[in-house]
Amino acid sequence: MRELADPDVITLLVEKKQALAGYAQVRRQSPPDCVSRIASVELWRFYMDSPWLGSGLSRQLMIAVLEAASELGGQAIWLSVWEKNPRAISFYEKCGFRAVGTHDFWVGADRQTDLIMIAEVDAA
């Protein structure tokens, strides 16, 4: 409820056949150092349920994400994605994102690396 009420977060839902097919969240968040644009917002979450992957719904959701980023005042949008997720990376690249850096994080004792990617808000 806190995220839904936060004016710095926009939550987008995709419904198909009266069920939730996917969702995304865009938020105002300080970018990592590798993101040089001051007027940027974060694509915080982007999920599509597996039956809908490859259906075109992800692309439609990304168009809505870029519109939401603009509503939040972003001229650019950044995200972090696990470096070992080639399907997501390929999708983001098709949507105009490009890698600009990395960020390490820990899952227990295992160090993982995310790519930091950025796109112009008018990329759709």
Foldseek 3Di string as FASTA:
>chain_A
DVQPPDPQKDKDFDDDPNHTFWIWIKGADDDPPLDPDPQEIEREDTDGPVVCPPVCVSVVRVLVVLVVSVVSRHQKYKYWAFPPPVVVVVVVVVQAKDFRAKDWDDDDPDITIITMIMGGSVSD
